[in-house]
Amino acid sequence: MLGKGIRALITCEVTEDFLSALKARNIEIELSGWGQSGHVLGEKELIEKARDCEIVIVEIEELSASVIEALPNLCFIGVSRGAPVNVDLDYCKQRGISVVHTPGRNADSVADYCLSMMLDLSRKITASSRHLSSEGWMFEGKLPYLQFRGRELGKLKIGLFGYGQIGARVAQRLHMGFGAQVYFFDPFVDSSLHANKVKSLEELFELSDIVSLHAPVAPETENSVNGRLLKLLGRDGILISSARAKLIVEEDLYNALATGSLGAAAIDVFWTEPINSENKWLKLPNVICTPHIAGASLDVVTNHCETILRGLDEWLIKEKTKRGLA
């Protein structure tokens, strides 16, 4: 098998450099599915297209046990996601199929988004733009300079709930780039060069001017950001939500923003998606809403291609060694 051509089905977005690298490794390629056309392959379509393939690389398509069972030649799966939640890992282990996913592929993209929202909300940039387009230059007869004065990021205390790859990148940017005081709460991380660890979420929200969410959803974190914590963040506080909406009690956040007990928020992830143009969140003047695009940079595709290619090369070397072809 490895001495001749290897066949690969690719259904995620990829770069031309990635395709060239596969061809240089004598891999025959078929492109299909969500990343190529926006159409997600169903089980029957996926089996039909991948039936003779040794390699399948996906992002959205589901590789269930029944799909994998129908692919007798399958040896390597690439998943261009932070976690391979669409792949039956237990069945892959039984079959001895290598699975490579791409944690951190969008970490820089999300970190950049979070800083952009911190800058925007702390300096009231979008708020002033909305005022200019709807009301004109002056604010109630006064210069806009007086109404839209904000605070410099380097003089604020920033709290991070969760300190994985994204949280760490946010902290590094804030600390090294702005000189901000950064704090984090994460029971699985002991220390950091760029942030100080606190003992509880209550402490994090009480001492911070801005809190950015980076924790996964788990039984101990779901709905953990509630009205009590938001009250600690305060009337001038800012919340950045780009991780998972289920970390937050939705009505508590809405009420805090609507009543002014919380200053502002940026929301990129919603409790039900997609939302429509009449959604209540879009009516709040102190909220910036974006359609789940924090991780949507052009560089993300390059990042996941590079990670999958490294994993593929490792698999190829092992297979050639195993078969005496190296």
Protein backbone atom coordinates (compact mmCIF):
# COMPACT_ATOMS: atom_id res chain seq x y z
CA MET A 1 0.00 0.00 0.00
CA LEU A 2 2.60 2.57 1.04
CA GLY A 3 4.97 1.72 -1.75
CA LYS A 4 2.33 2.76 -4.30
CA GLY A 5 -0.29 5.48 -4.32
CA ILE A 6 -2.28 6.33 -1.21
CA ARG A 7 -5.80 7.71 -1.55
CA ALA A 8 -7.17 10.56 0.54
CA LEU A 9 -10.61 12.13 0.83
CA ILE A 10 -10.49 15.70 2.12
CA THR A 11 -13.68 17.48 3.18
CA CYS A 12 -12.23 20.42 5.15
CA GLU A 13 -10.72 23.67 3.92
CA VAL A 14 -7.08 23.25 2.89
CA THR A 15 -4.35 25.33 1.30
CA GLU A 16 -2.72 24.83 -2.08
CA ASP A 17 0.57 24.24 -0.27
CA PHE A 18 -1.04 21.38 1.68
CA LEU A 19 -2.36 19.78 -1.50
CA SER A 20 1.05 20.10 -3.15
CA ALA A 21 2.67 18.48 -0.10
CA LEU A 22 0.30 15.51 -0.32
CA LYS A 23 0.94 15.07 -4.04
CA ALA A 24 4.69 15.15 -3.36
CA ARG A 25 4.10 12.22 -0.99
CA ASN A 26 2.40 10.25 -3.77
CA ILE A 27 -1.07 10.70 -2.25
CA GLU A 28 -4.05 10.77 -4.62
CA ILE A 29 -6.58 13.39 -3.51
CA GLU A 30 -10.33 13.78 -3.81
CA LEU A 31 -11.86 17.04 -2.55
CA SER A 32 -15.49 17.06 -1.50
CA GLY A 33 -17.85 17.98 1.32
CA TRP A 34 -18.36 20.97 3.56
CA GLY A 35 -14.96 22.62 3.20
CA GLN A 36 -15.13 22.58 -0.58
CA SER A 37 -18.78 23.30 -1.38
CA GLY A 38 -20.59 24.06 1.89
CA HIS A 39 -22.46 20.75 1.58
CA VAL A 40 -21.93 18.40 4.52
CA LEU A 41 -21.60 14.80 3.35
CA GLY A 42 -24.11 12.44 4.91
CA GLU A 43 -23.20 8.92 6.00
CA LYS A 44 -23.96 7.26 2.65
CA GLU A 45 -22.13 9.93 0.63
CA LEU A 46 -19.12 9.81 2.93
CA ILE A 47 -18.86 6.02 2.71
CA GLU A 48 -19.20 6.08 -1.07
CA LYS A 49 -16.47 8.66 -1.55
CA ALA A 50 -14.06 7.26 1.07
CA ARG A 51 -14.60 3.55 0.48
CA ASP A 52 -11.16 2.94 -1.05
CA CYS A 53 -9.26 5.61 0.90
CA GLU A 54 -6.47 5.07 3.41
CA ILE A 55 -6.72 8.69 4.58
CA VAL A 56 -9.78 10.80 5.43
CA ILE A 57 -9.46 14.42 6.56
CA VAL A 58 -12.62 16.13 7.83
CA GLU A 59 -13.92 19.06 9.84
CA ILE A 60 -17.73 18.83 9.98
CA GLU A 61 -18.47 15.38 8.58
CA GLU A 62 -19.20 12.63 11.13
CA LEU A 63 -16.95 9.59 11.24
CA SER A 64 -19.13 7.30 13.34
CA ALA A 65 -18.35 3.66 14.04
CA SER A 66 -20.73 2.61 11.25
CA VAL A 67 -18.96 4.86 8.74
CA ILE A 68 -15.50 3.73 9.78
CA GLU A 69 -16.58 0.08 9.70
CA ALA A 70 -17.56 0.55 6.06
CA LEU A 71 -14.08 1.86 5.16
CA PRO A 72 -11.81 -1.21 5.19
CA ASN A 73 -8.67 0.61 3.99
CA LEU A 74 -8.89 3.53 6.44
CA CYS A 75 -5.66 3.97 8.42
CA PHE A 76 -5.38 7.70 9.15
CA ILE A 77 -7.94 10.35 10.09
CA GLY A 78 -7.20 14.06 10.24
CA VAL A 79 -9.66 16.36 12.00
CA SER A 80 -9.32 20.11 11.51
CA ARG A 81 -10.94 20.93 14.85
CA GLY A 82 -9.75 21.70 18.35
CA ALA A 83 -11.19 18.36 19.51
CA PRO A 84 -12.18 15.34 17.37
CA VAL A 85 -15.77 15.31 18.64
CA ASN A 86 -17.08 14.06 15.28
CA VAL A 87 -14.96 10.88 15.31
CA ASP A 88 -15.64 7.64 17.20
CA LEU A 89 -12.26 7.45 18.93
CA ASP A 90 -12.98 4.18 20.72
CA TYR A 91 -13.69 2.42 17.46
CA CYS A 92 -10.57 3.95 15.88
CA LYS A 93 -8.52 2.57 18.75
CA GLN A 94 -10.00 -0.89 18.19
CA ARG A 95 -9.11 -0.69 14.50
CA GLY A 96 -5.65 0.80 15.10
CA ILE A 97 -6.50 3.91 13.09
CA SER A 98 -4.35 6.97 13.78
CA VAL A 99 -6.31 10.14 14.55
CA VAL A 100 -4.73 13.61 14.47
CA HIS A 101 -6.67 16.73 15.44
CA THR A 102 -5.65 20.39 15.61
CA PRO A 103 -5.81 21.89 19.12
CA GLY A 104 -4.86 25.54 19.15
CA ARG A 105 -5.39 26.03 15.40
CA ASN A 106 -7.47 29.16 16.09
CA ALA A 107 -5.93 30.17 19.43
CA ASP A 108 -4.19 33.25 18.02
CA SER A 109 -7.29 34.23 16.09
CA VAL A 110 -9.53 34.07 19.18
CA ALA A 111 -6.93 35.85 21.31
CA ASP A 112 -6.78 38.69 18.78
CA TYR A 113 -10.58 38.90 18.79
CA CYS A 114 -10.69 39.14 22.59
CA LEU A 115 -8.16 41.95 22.66
CA SER A 116 -10.00 43.80 19.91
CA MET A 117 -13.22 43.63 21.94
CA MET A 118 -11.43 44.76 25.10
CA LEU A 119 -10.04 47.77 23.25
CA ASP A 120 -13.35 48.52 21.55
CA LEU A 121 -15.48 48.40 24.69
CA SER A 122 -13.00 50.06 27.04
CA ARG A 123 -12.53 52.95 24.57
CA LYS A 124 -16.22 53.01 23.47
CA ILE A 125 -15.30 52.81 19.79
CA THR A 126 -18.38 51.01 18.48
CA ALA A 127 -20.62 53.01 20.82
CA SER A 128 -19.30 56.27 19.38
CA SER A 129 -19.66 54.99 15.81
CA ARG A 130 -23.28 53.99 16.45
CA HIS A 131 -23.98 57.44 17.89
CA LEU A 132 -22.37 59.19 14.93
CA SER A 133 -24.42 57.24 12.39
CA SER A 134 -27.73 57.63 14.24
CA GLU A 135 -27.49 61.01 16.03
CA GLY A 136 -24.67 62.94 14.39
CA TRP A 137 -21.56 64.53 15.85
CA MET A 138 -22.73 66.17 19.08
CA PHE A 139 -23.96 64.25 22.10
CA GLU A 140 -26.91 66.05 23.74
CA GLY A 141 -25.37 69.35 22.72
CA LYS A 142 -21.93 68.46 24.09
CA LEU A 143 -18.72 67.43 22.39
CA PRO A 144 -18.49 63.66 21.87
CA TYR A 145 -15.01 63.84 23.42
CA LEU A 146 -16.68 64.20 26.82
CA GLN A 147 -19.17 61.34 26.42
CA PHE A 148 -16.94 58.73 24.79
CA ARG A 149 -13.82 58.95 26.86
CA GLY A 150 -12.70 55.47 27.82
CA ARG A 151 -9.91 53.82 29.75
CA GLU A 152 -6.47 52.72 28.58
CA LEU A 153 -6.10 48.96 28.49
CA GLY A 154 -2.72 48.99 30.19
CA LYS A 155 -4.21 50.58 33.29
CA LEU A 156 -6.95 47.97 33.71
CA LYS A 157 -7.05 44.68 35.58
CA ILE A 158 -8.01 41.83 33.26
CA GLY A 159 -9.38 38.51 34.52
CA LEU A 160 -9.30 35.30 32.51
CA PHE A 161 -11.64 32.43 33.38
CA GLY A 162 -9.74 29.47 31.94
CA TYR A 163 -6.07 29.42 31.03
CA GLY A 164 -5.63 27.02 28.14
CA GLN A 165 -4.00 27.84 24.81
CA ILE A 166 -6.28 30.81 24.12
CA GLY A 167 -6.23 32.23 27.64
CA ALA A 168 -2.45 32.04 27.75
CA ARG A 169 -2.15 33.90 24.45
CA VAL A 170 -4.53 36.61 25.66
CA ALA A 171 -2.47 37.02 28.82
CA GLN A 172 0.80 37.25 26.91
CA ARG A 173 -0.56 39.94 24.62
CA LEU A 174 -1.99 41.96 27.51
CA HIS A 175 1.09 41.66 29.70
CA MET A 176 3.84 42.08 27.09
CA GLY A 177 2.00 44.42 24.73
CA PHE A 178 0.02 46.66 27.06
CA GLY A 179 1.54 46.21 30.50
CA ALA A 180 -1.86 45.31 31.95
CA GLN A 181 -2.32 43.47 35.22
CA VAL A 182 -3.65 40.02 34.31
CA TYR A 183 -5.25 37.45 36.60
CA PHE A 184 -6.63 33.99 35.91
CA PHE A 185 -8.70 31.27 37.50
CA ASP A 186 -8.10 27.71 36.32
CA PRO A 187 -7.84 24.77 38.74
CA PHE A 188 -5.67 22.86 36.26
CA VAL A 189 -2.96 25.51 35.84
CA ASP A 190 -0.62 26.39 38.70
CA SER A 191 1.20 29.48 37.47
CA SER A 192 2.09 31.69 34.51
CA LEU A 193 4.76 34.18 33.52
CA HIS A 194 2.10 36.58 32.26
CA ALA A 195 -0.72 36.35 34.80
CA ASN A 196 -1.35 35.88 38.51
CA LYS A 197 -3.52 33.01 39.68
CA VAL A 198 -6.46 33.70 41.99
CA LYS A 199 -8.21 31.21 44.27
CA SER A 200 -11.81 31.53 43.09
CA LEU A 201 -14.13 32.91 40.43
CA GLU A 202 -15.49 35.31 43.03
CA GLU A 203 -12.04 36.77 43.55
CA LEU A 204 -11.47 37.01 39.80
CA PHE A 205 -14.69 38.91 39.13
CA GLU A 206 -14.31 41.16 42.15
CA LEU A 207 -10.82 42.44 41.33
CA SER A 208 -11.16 42.65 37.52
CA ASP A 209 -12.26 45.52 35.29
CA ILE A 210 -12.67 43.13 32.36
CA VAL A 211 -13.30 39.37 32.45
CA SER A 212 -12.76 37.20 29.36
CA LEU A 213 -14.12 33.64 29.30
CA HIS A 214 -11.90 30.78 28.12
CA ALA A 215 -13.10 27.77 30.11
CA PRO A 216 -14.65 24.62 28.62
CA VAL A 217 -18.22 23.67 29.44
CA ALA A 218 -18.28 20.98 32.12
CA PRO A 219 -20.65 20.19 35.00
CA GLU A 220 -18.61 22.45 37.28
CA THR A 221 -18.45 25.36 34.82
CA GLU A 222 -21.88 25.34 33.14
CA ASN A 223 -23.93 28.38 34.24
CA SER A 224 -21.12 29.37 36.60
CA VAL A 225 -21.16 33.00 35.43
CA ASN A 226 -24.33 34.17 37.14
CA GLY A 227 -25.88 37.34 38.48
CA ARG A 228 -23.86 37.20 41.68
CA LEU A 229 -20.54 37.19 39.81
CA LEU A 230 -21.67 39.86 37.36
CA LYS A 231 -22.60 42.11 40.25
CA LEU A 232 -19.03 41.73 41.54
CA LEU A 233 -17.69 42.80 38.13
CA GLY A 234 -19.74 45.96 38.55
CA ARG A 235 -21.32 48.87 36.68
CA ASP A 236 -18.12 49.69 34.80
CA GLY A 237 -17.19 46.05 34.20
CA ILE A 238 -16.83 44.42 30.79
CA LEU A 239 -17.43 40.76 29.91
CA ILE A 240 -15.96 39.08 26.80
CA SER A 241 -17.74 35.86 25.80
CA SER A 242 -16.05 33.94 22.98
CA ALA A 243 -15.80 30.44 24.49
CA ARG A 244 -19.14 28.74 25.14
CA ALA A 245 -22.44 30.46 25.89
CA LYS A 246 -23.40 27.79 28.42
CA LEU A 247 -20.80 29.12 30.82
CA ILE A 248 -23.23 32.00 31.47
CA VAL A 249 -26.75 32.17 32.85
CA GLU A 250 -28.31 33.96 29.88
CA GLU A 251 -31.05 35.87 31.70
CA ASP A 252 -28.64 36.99 34.42
CA LEU A 253 -26.30 38.52 31.85
CA TYR A 254 -29.14 40.13 29.91
CA ASN A 255 -30.65 41.67 33.03
CA ALA A 256 -27.28 42.95 34.24
CA LEU A 257 -26.63 44.69 30.92
CA ALA A 258 -30.19 45.97 30.49
CA THR A 259 -30.29 47.50 33.99
CA GLY A 260 -26.75 48.90 33.87
CA SER A 261 -25.45 46.80 36.75
CA LEU A 262 -22.83 45.58 34.24
CA GLY A 263 -21.15 48.07 31.94
CA ALA A 264 -20.76 46.26 28.61
CA ALA A 265 -20.19 42.93 26.90
CA ALA A 266 -18.96 41.38 23.69
CA ILE A 267 -20.79 38.19 22.73
CA ASP A 268 -19.57 35.91 19.94
CA VAL A 269 -21.30 32.70 21.05
CA PHE A 270 -25.02 32.38 21.76
CA TRP A 271 -27.22 29.97 23.66
CA THR A 272 -29.10 29.11 20.48
CA GLU A 273 -27.48 29.64 17.08
CA PRO A 274 -28.02 31.17 14.65
CA ILE A 275 -29.77 34.25 15.96
CA ASN A 276 -31.89 36.53 13.73
CA SER A 277 -31.78 40.29 13.29
CA GLU A 278 -34.62 40.77 15.80
CA ASN A 279 -32.83 38.99 18.63
CA LYS A 280 -32.98 40.76 21.98
CA TRP A 281 -29.20 40.85 22.32
CA LEU A 282 -28.92 43.07 19.26
CA LYS A 283 -31.12 45.70 20.87
CA LEU A 284 -28.81 46.44 23.79
CA PRO A 285 -26.64 49.53 23.17
CA ASN A 286 -23.86 48.34 25.49
CA VAL A 287 -23.32 45.01 23.74
CA ILE A 288 -21.29 44.09 20.65
CA CYS A 289 -22.61 40.92 19.02
CA THR A 290 -20.68 38.96 16.40
CA PRO A 291 -21.80 35.76 14.59
CA HIS A 292 -19.39 33.18 16.09
CA ILE A 293 -16.38 34.52 14.17
CA ALA A 294 -13.73 34.86 16.90
CA GLY A 295 -11.79 31.97 15.38
CA ALA A 296 -12.42 32.95 11.77
CA SER A 297 -9.07 34.15 10.48
CA LEU A 298 -7.57 33.12 7.16
CA ASP A 299 -4.51 31.83 9.02
CA VAL A 300 -6.54 29.13 10.80
CA VAL A 301 -6.63 27.01 7.64
CA THR A 302 -2.86 27.20 7.28
CA ASN A 303 -2.46 26.29 10.95
CA HIS A 304 -4.61 23.17 10.80
CA CYS A 305 -3.00 22.07 7.53
CA GLU A 306 0.46 22.28 9.06
CA THR A 307 -0.60 20.29 12.13
CA ILE A 308 -2.30 17.56 10.11
CA LEU A 309 0.68 17.31 7.74
CA ARG A 310 3.06 16.80 10.66
CA GLY A 311 0.82 14.06 12.03
CA LEU A 312 0.50 12.47 8.62
CA ASP A 313 4.28 12.40 8.14
CA GLU A 314 4.73 10.74 11.52
CA TRP A 315 2.19 8.11 10.56
CA LEU A 316 3.82 7.53 7.17
CA ILE A 317 7.24 7.02 8.77
CA LYS A 318 5.84 4.53 11.28
CA GLU A 319 4.00 2.61 8.60
CA LYS A 320 7.03 2.44 6.30
CA THR A 321 9.22 1.28 9.17
CA LYS A 322 6.66 -1.34 10.15
CA ARG A 323 6.57 -2.66 6.57
CA GLY A 324 10.33 -2.50 6.01
CA LEU A 325 10.00 0.25 3.44
CA ALA A 326 11.89 3.02 5.29
